[in-house]
Amino acid sequence: VLLQLRAGLVAAWLLRPDWFSSSGCAKELLTDLTELLAGVEQVAASSLPMVHRTVDTLSRHPERLPGVWLEWHLERARRAQLRADWQASAVREAAQAAALRQAAAQVRAVYEQRLPGRRLPREALRMMGTGWSEVLTLGFLHPDDTTCMGRREAIRLLDELLKSVSAETSKEERQSLMDALPGLMRSLRNGLEQTGMKTPQVNDLLHGLRDAHQALVFGKSDASRLNWEVVDADWMSENFPVPKTDGQVLPESIRPACAVGRWIRFDDAGLNGLHAFRVEFLDAERDVVGLGNELHVVFESLPLSRLAQRIEAGEAAPLRIDLQSAAHFAATLCAS
């Protein structure tokens, strides 16, 4: 127990010297720990067997511990449960983020097979970039969910939409699409609403697409006056950026700093207002690292790639602690 107290005292002093020097509670802790060390020395010198019996009794009957120590054990259990819940939540969120990246990559592949080099009205491109991509993402994320549109149906409707607005579609072919347009618009609305998109935004996308159809199919306006765009690499990169791949490969110089159990110090604003964190867990496959600061009962998770970037940029660095010097410092501090 004394060794654990001393380790906590050293950590508190090293991580937050300003708090330690100004806190009345910290000063009381110093006093109590000094008296306890002195008392143990006296007891050990006069009656070591009694100490052994007392320790054995308390280890078998923790309920007999004084109230302050019982509270300490309960607090340790509470923090352990808090850490376990946080780690499970962080891993779950990282898995969801990985699934979302995979779905985004699949959606990009669908558009890469169909769009580059094609000349399309701006209204149709807006529908594909900000609307229908969400429908496809949902279909890839939940392939077995019957409450949302399946990816095959979403891709089929995308092909119909492209055919109805493409500059390469002949006037005769567009004329044959007239009967299918009402059903296509209803299906598009249904798919957009299933993503949770708000009604005003859905109406805005569909009204723009309707105007393009009127110009192309019904001839109510001059099709040459539509805003045509050719889908190029820049448009694809802006609307469908290449998703980051899973499984981050860390540089050799950074791997030791990200090892579980190491302390990392953040410069400037720190992380959530704190500057020192211990690496609690690491999952390179899901690109997540868990950082904890038990002194303030704060746990954070962030992408492993982001932590590597901050270390490479000099915004974070391993916190090097000489344990032998720290132990000597703690002994000197208690003696004073």
Protein backbone atom coordinates (compact mmCIF):
# COMPACT_ATOMS: atom_id res chain seq x y z
CA VAL A 1 0.00 0.00 0.00
CA LEU A 2 2.83 2.39 0.88
CA LEU A 3 4.57 1.66 -2.41
CA GLN A 4 1.36 2.43 -4.30
CA LEU A 5 0.91 5.62 -2.30
CA ARG A 6 4.45 6.67 -3.06
CA ALA A 7 4.01 5.97 -6.78
CA GLY A 8 0.81 8.04 -6.81
CA LEU A 9 2.57 10.83 -4.96
CA VAL A 10 5.42 10.89 -7.48
CA ALA A 11 3.02 10.86 -10.41
CA ALA A 12 0.99 13.70 -8.93
CA TRP A 13 4.10 15.78 -8.32
CA LEU A 14 5.53 15.20 -11.81
CA LEU A 15 2.31 15.67 -13.74
CA ARG A 16 0.79 18.60 -11.86
CA PRO A 17 3.38 20.36 -9.68
CA ASP A 18 1.31 23.57 -9.66
CA TRP A 19 -1.74 21.77 -8.24
CA PHE A 20 0.39 19.79 -5.79
CA SER A 21 2.06 22.86 -4.32
CA SER A 22 -1.16 24.86 -3.93
CA SER A 23 -3.66 22.20 -2.87
CA GLY A 24 -4.45 21.91 0.83
CA CYS A 25 -5.52 18.31 0.28
CA ALA A 26 -2.11 17.51 -1.22
CA LYS A 27 -0.34 19.02 1.80
CA GLU A 28 -2.50 16.92 4.14
CA LEU A 29 -1.63 13.86 2.09
CA LEU A 30 2.07 14.67 2.50
CA THR A 31 1.69 15.02 6.24
CA ASP A 32 -0.33 11.83 6.62
CA LEU A 33 2.07 9.84 4.47
CA THR A 34 5.09 11.10 6.41
CA GLU A 35 3.47 10.15 9.73
CA LEU A 36 2.44 6.78 8.35
CA LEU A 37 5.97 6.01 7.17
CA ALA A 38 7.36 6.95 10.55
CA GLY A 39 4.74 4.87 12.34
CA VAL A 40 5.42 1.82 10.20
CA GLU A 41 9.12 2.10 10.93
CA GLN A 42 8.44 2.11 14.69
CA VAL A 43 5.98 -0.78 14.52
CA ALA A 44 8.26 -2.80 12.27
CA ALA A 45 11.16 -2.34 14.65
CA SER A 46 9.22 -3.36 17.77
CA SER A 47 6.62 -5.84 16.57
CA LEU A 48 7.07 -7.14 13.03
CA PRO A 49 4.98 -10.33 13.61
CA MET A 50 2.01 -8.16 14.63
CA VAL A 51 2.31 -6.28 11.36
CA HIS A 52 2.30 -9.55 9.42
CA ARG A 53 -0.83 -10.74 11.26
CA THR A 54 -2.58 -7.42 10.65
CA VAL A 55 -1.78 -7.42 6.92
CA ASP A 56 -2.96 -11.03 6.64
CA THR A 57 -6.23 -10.25 8.43
CA LEU A 58 -6.94 -7.21 6.27
CA SER A 59 -6.18 -9.13 3.06
CA ARG A 60 -8.75 -11.79 4.05
CA HIS A 61 -11.30 -9.34 5.48
CA PRO A 62 -11.16 -6.08 3.53
CA GLU A 63 -14.38 -4.92 5.20
CA ARG A 64 -12.35 -4.32 8.36
CA LEU A 65 -10.25 -1.68 6.68
CA PRO A 66 -10.67 1.83 8.04
CA GLY A 67 -13.23 3.92 6.25
CA VAL A 68 -10.70 5.93 4.26
CA TRP A 69 -9.02 2.82 2.92
CA LEU A 70 -12.34 1.21 2.10
CA GLU A 71 -13.31 4.31 0.15
CA TRP A 72 -9.97 4.13 -1.63
CA HIS A 73 -10.62 0.53 -2.70
CA LEU A 74 -14.14 1.41 -3.86
CA GLU A 75 -12.78 4.34 -5.84
CA ARG A 76 -10.21 2.07 -7.47
CA ALA A 77 -12.98 -0.35 -8.45
CA ARG A 78 -15.10 2.49 -9.80
CA ARG A 79 -12.23 3.80 -11.90
CA ALA A 80 -11.44 0.32 -13.18
CA GLN A 81 -15.06 -0.10 -14.30
CA LEU A 82 -15.02 3.37 -15.83
CA ARG A 83 -11.86 2.50 -17.75
CA ALA A 84 -13.33 -0.80 -18.97
CA ASP A 85 -16.56 0.87 -20.15
CA TRP A 86 -14.61 3.63 -21.87
CA GLN A 87 -12.32 1.16 -23.65
CA ALA A 88 -15.26 -0.93 -24.86
CA SER A 89 -17.00 2.21 -26.12
CA ALA A 90 -13.86 3.49 -27.86
CA VAL A 91 -13.26 0.15 -29.61
CA ARG A 92 -16.92 -0.01 -30.66
CA GLU A 93 -16.80 3.52 -32.09
CA ALA A 94 -13.53 2.73 -33.89
CA ALA A 95 -15.11 -0.37 -35.42
CA GLN A 96 -18.05 1.72 -36.63
CA ALA A 97 -15.65 4.28 -38.12
CA ALA A 98 -13.75 1.49 -39.90
CA ALA A 99 -17.00 0.12 -41.33
CA LEU A 100 -17.95 3.62 -42.50
CA ARG A 101 -14.57 4.02 -44.24
CA GLN A 102 -15.06 0.69 -45.98
CA ALA A 103 -18.56 1.69 -47.12
CA ALA A 104 -17.22 5.04 -48.39
CA ALA A 105 -14.59 3.18 -50.42
CA GLN A 106 -17.28 0.95 -51.94
CA VAL A 107 -19.44 3.97 -52.83
CA ARG A 108 -16.47 5.66 -54.47
CA ALA A 109 -15.83 2.51 -56.52
CA VAL A 110 -19.45 2.55 -57.76
CA TYR A 111 -19.14 6.14 -58.94
CA GLU A 112 -15.66 5.61 -60.42
CA GLN A 113 -17.14 2.93 -62.69
CA ARG A 114 -19.87 5.27 -63.97
CA LEU A 115 -19.06 8.97 -63.74
CA PRO A 116 -15.55 9.96 -64.88
CA GLY A 117 -15.60 11.62 -68.29
CA ARG A 118 -19.39 11.92 -68.49
CA ARG A 119 -21.15 15.24 -69.19
CA LEU A 120 -24.05 15.77 -66.80
CA PRO A 121 -26.27 18.62 -65.56
CA ARG A 122 -25.08 20.26 -62.36
CA GLU A 123 -28.42 19.49 -60.68
CA ALA A 124 -27.94 15.75 -61.29
CA LEU A 125 -24.36 15.87 -59.99
CA ARG A 126 -25.55 17.60 -56.84
CA MET A 127 -28.07 14.80 -56.31
CA MET A 128 -25.34 12.18 -56.69
CA GLY A 129 -22.73 13.97 -54.62
CA THR A 130 -24.78 15.09 -51.61
CA GLY A 131 -27.85 12.87 -51.77
CA TRP A 132 -27.65 9.49 -53.42
CA SER A 133 -24.18 8.76 -52.06
CA GLU A 134 -25.79 8.66 -48.59
CA VAL A 135 -28.30 6.08 -49.83
CA LEU A 136 -25.51 3.91 -51.23
CA THR A 137 -23.46 4.25 -48.02
CA LEU A 138 -26.41 3.11 -45.94
CA GLY A 139 -26.93 0.14 -48.26
CA PHE A 140 -23.30 -0.96 -47.95
CA LEU A 141 -23.25 -0.42 -44.18
CA HIS A 142 -26.42 -2.44 -43.52
CA PRO A 143 -26.79 -4.99 -46.35
CA ASP A 144 -29.26 -7.11 -44.38
CA ASP A 145 -31.42 -4.27 -43.05
CA THR A 146 -34.86 -4.45 -44.67
CA THR A 147 -35.84 -1.00 -43.38
CA CYS A 148 -33.47 0.77 -45.79
CA MET A 149 -32.95 0.51 -49.52
CA GLY A 150 -30.57 -2.28 -50.53
CA ARG A 151 -27.36 -1.45 -52.35
CA ARG A 152 -28.41 -3.32 -55.52
CA GLU A 153 -31.64 -1.34 -55.76
CA ALA A 154 -29.77 1.89 -55.05
CA ILE A 155 -27.25 1.12 -57.83
CA ARG A 156 -30.05 0.25 -60.25
CA LEU A 157 -31.77 3.58 -59.57
CA LEU A 158 -28.44 5.37 -59.98
CA ASP A 159 -28.07 3.84 -63.44
CA GLU A 160 -31.62 4.93 -64.35
CA LEU A 161 -30.91 8.43 -63.10
CA LEU A 162 -27.71 8.65 -65.16
CA LYS A 163 -29.53 7.47 -68.26
CA SER A 164 -32.26 10.07 -67.79
CA VAL A 165 -29.89 13.04 -67.58
CA SER A 166 -26.83 12.01 -69.57
CA ALA A 167 -25.85 14.21 -72.51
CA GLU A 168 -25.13 11.02 -74.50
CA THR A 169 -28.77 9.87 -74.27
CA SER A 170 -30.61 10.51 -77.53
CA LYS A 171 -33.85 12.46 -77.73
CA GLU A 172 -35.73 9.30 -78.71
CA GLU A 173 -34.38 7.43 -75.68
CA ARG A 174 -35.37 10.29 -73.38
CA GLN A 175 -38.84 10.24 -74.87
CA SER A 176 -39.17 6.58 -73.88
CA LEU A 177 -38.21 7.55 -70.31
CA MET A 178 -41.17 9.88 -69.88
CA ASP A 179 -43.44 7.18 -68.50
CA ALA A 180 -40.77 5.96 -66.08
CA LEU A 181 -39.88 9.38 -64.63
CA PRO A 182 -42.69 9.61 -62.02
CA GLY A 183 -41.79 6.21 -60.61
CA LEU A 184 -38.07 7.10 -60.63
CA MET A 185 -38.70 10.33 -58.74
CA ARG A 186 -40.80 8.50 -56.13
CA SER A 187 -38.07 5.90 -55.65
CA LEU A 188 -35.43 8.62 -55.31
CA ARG A 189 -37.50 10.41 -52.68
CA ASN A 190 -38.04 7.17 -50.78
CA GLY A 191 -34.32 6.41 -50.73
CA LEU A 192 -33.35 9.91 -49.59
CA GLU A 193 -35.93 9.94 -46.79
CA GLN A 194 -34.68 6.58 -45.49
CA THR A 195 -31.27 8.18 -44.79
CA GLY A 196 -32.90 10.62 -42.36
CA MET A 197 -32.42 13.60 -44.65
CA LYS A 198 -34.74 16.48 -43.80
CA THR A 199 -37.71 17.11 -46.07
CA PRO A 200 -36.63 20.62 -47.24
CA GLN A 201 -33.27 19.26 -48.39
CA VAL A 202 -34.94 16.31 -50.14
CA ASN A 203 -37.34 18.67 -51.92
CA ASP A 204 -34.49 20.94 -52.97
CA LEU A 205 -32.56 18.07 -54.56
CA LEU A 206 -35.61 16.67 -56.32
CA HIS A 207 -36.83 20.05 -57.58
CA GLY A 208 -33.42 20.71 -59.16
CA LEU A 209 -33.50 17.29 -60.78
CA ARG A 210 -37.07 17.87 -61.99
CA ASP A 211 -36.03 21.09 -63.70
CA ALA A 212 -33.27 19.22 -65.52
CA HIS A 213 -35.73 16.54 -66.60
CA GLN A 214 -38.17 19.14 -67.87
CA ALA A 215 -35.43 20.67 -69.99
CA LEU A 216 -34.20 17.34 -71.33
CA VAL A 217 -37.35 15.25 -71.68
CA PHE A 218 -40.39 17.48 -71.78
CA GLY A 219 -38.76 20.32 -73.67
CA LYS A 220 -40.19 23.05 -71.40
CA SER A 221 -36.92 24.93 -71.57
CA ASP A 222 -33.83 24.96 -73.70
CA ALA A 223 -31.55 22.09 -72.71
CA SER A 224 -28.55 24.05 -73.94
CA ARG A 225 -29.10 26.51 -71.09
CA LEU A 226 -28.52 23.87 -68.43
CA ASN A 227 -25.29 24.02 -66.45
CA TRP A 228 -23.38 21.06 -67.84
CA GLU A 229 -20.26 19.73 -66.18
CA VAL A 230 -17.78 17.05 -67.16
CA VAL A 231 -16.92 14.75 -64.27
CA ASP A 232 -13.14 14.84 -63.86
CA ALA A 233 -10.63 13.76 -61.23
CA ASP A 234 -11.02 17.01 -59.29
CA TRP A 235 -14.78 16.55 -58.97
CA MET A 236 -14.32 12.97 -57.81
CA SER A 237 -11.68 13.96 -55.24
CA GLU A 238 -13.85 16.76 -53.87
CA ASN A 239 -17.03 14.74 -53.57
CA PHE A 240 -15.60 11.28 -52.95
CA PRO A 241 -12.17 11.57 -51.30
CA VAL A 242 -10.11 8.43 -51.13
CA PRO A 243 -10.90 6.83 -47.73
CA LYS A 244 -8.04 6.21 -45.35
CA THR A 245 -7.02 2.57 -45.24
CA ASP A 246 -7.19 0.52 -42.06
CA GLY A 247 -4.18 -0.87 -40.28
CA GLN A 248 -1.87 2.08 -39.70
CA VAL A 249 1.83 1.40 -40.21
CA LEU A 250 3.68 3.46 -37.62
CA PRO A 251 7.22 4.72 -38.25
CA GLU A 252 9.85 2.89 -36.25
CA SER A 253 10.75 6.07 -34.38
CA ILE A 254 7.18 6.46 -33.08
CA ARG A 255 6.32 2.88 -32.14
CA PRO A 256 8.03 2.98 -28.69
CA ALA A 257 6.15 6.17 -27.78
CA CYS A 258 2.79 4.53 -28.59
CA ALA A 259 3.41 1.37 -26.59
CA VAL A 260 0.85 0.48 -23.92
CA GLY A 261 1.97 1.77 -20.53
CA ARG A 262 4.02 4.67 -21.85
CA TRP A 263 3.25 8.25 -20.83
CA ILE A 264 2.85 10.95 -23.49
CA ARG A 265 3.02 14.66 -22.88
CA PHE A 266 1.06 17.03 -25.14
CA ASP A 267 2.25 20.59 -25.72
CA ASP A 268 0.28 23.82 -26.14
CA ALA A 269 -3.41 23.25 -25.32
CA GLY A 270 -2.83 19.59 -24.54
CA LEU A 271 -5.64 17.09 -24.94
CA ASN A 272 -8.94 18.05 -23.32
CA GLY A 273 -7.02 20.64 -21.31
CA LEU A 274 -4.56 18.10 -19.85
CA HIS A 275 -0.98 17.50 -20.88
CA ALA A 276 0.04 14.04 -19.66
CA PHE A 277 -1.68 10.77 -20.59
CA ARG A 278 -0.85 7.10 -20.29
CA VAL A 279 -1.38 4.78 -23.27
CA GLU A 280 -4.10 2.41 -22.02
CA PHE A 281 -4.74 0.37 -25.16
CA LEU A 282 -3.81 0.31 -28.83
CA ASP A 283 -5.68 -1.08 -31.85
CA ALA A 284 -3.76 -0.43 -35.06
CA GLU A 285 -6.25 -2.38 -37.19
CA ARG A 286 -9.09 -0.04 -36.21
CA ASP A 287 -6.81 3.02 -36.00
CA VAL A 288 -7.55 3.92 -32.39
CA VAL A 289 -5.44 4.56 -29.31
CA GLY A 290 -6.78 5.01 -25.78
CA LEU A 291 -5.18 7.53 -23.42
CA GLY A 292 -5.92 7.89 -19.71
CA ASN A 293 -5.10 10.31 -16.91
CA GLU A 294 -6.20 8.71 -13.65
CA LEU A 295 -5.24 11.74 -11.57
CA HIS A 296 -8.17 13.60 -13.15
CA VAL A 297 -10.18 10.47 -14.07
CA VAL A 298 -10.10 11.50 -17.73
CA PHE A 299 -9.97 9.00 -20.59
CA GLU A 300 -9.66 9.97 -24.24
CA SER A 301 -9.47 8.08 -27.52
CA LEU A 302 -8.22 9.39 -30.85
CA PRO A 303 -7.08 7.95 -34.17
CA LEU A 304 -3.67 6.35 -33.94
CA SER A 305 -2.68 8.10 -37.16
CA ARG A 306 -3.53 11.47 -35.57
CA LEU A 307 -1.35 10.72 -32.54
CA ALA A 308 1.50 9.75 -34.85
CA GLN A 309 1.11 13.03 -36.73
CA ARG A 310 1.27 15.03 -33.49
CA ILE A 311 4.39 13.18 -32.38
CA GLU A 312 6.08 13.71 -35.75
CA ALA A 313 5.14 17.41 -35.65
CA GLY A 314 6.62 17.81 -32.16
CA GLU A 315 3.22 18.54 -30.58
CA ALA A 316 3.49 15.44 -28.39
CA ALA A 317 6.37 13.39 -27.04
CA PRO A 318 7.01 10.47 -24.67
CA LEU A 319 7.22 11.54 -21.04
CA ARG A 320 10.48 10.13 -19.75
CA ILE A 321 10.54 9.33 -16.02
CA ASP A 322 13.63 8.04 -14.23
CA LEU A 323 12.06 5.70 -11.66
CA GLN A 324 15.18 5.52 -9.48
CA SER A 325 15.43 9.29 -9.25
CA ALA A 326 11.69 9.54 -8.66
CA ALA A 327 11.87 7.08 -5.76
CA HIS A 328 14.77 9.00 -4.22
CA PHE A 329 12.84 12.25 -4.68
CA ALA A 330 9.77 10.76 -2.96
CA ALA A 331 11.84 9.52 0.00
CA THR A 332 13.48 12.95 0.39
CA LEU A 333 10.10 14.66 0.11
CA CYS A 334 8.54 12.49 2.81
CA ALA A 335 11.52 12.88 5.10
CA SER A 336 11.25 16.66 4.87
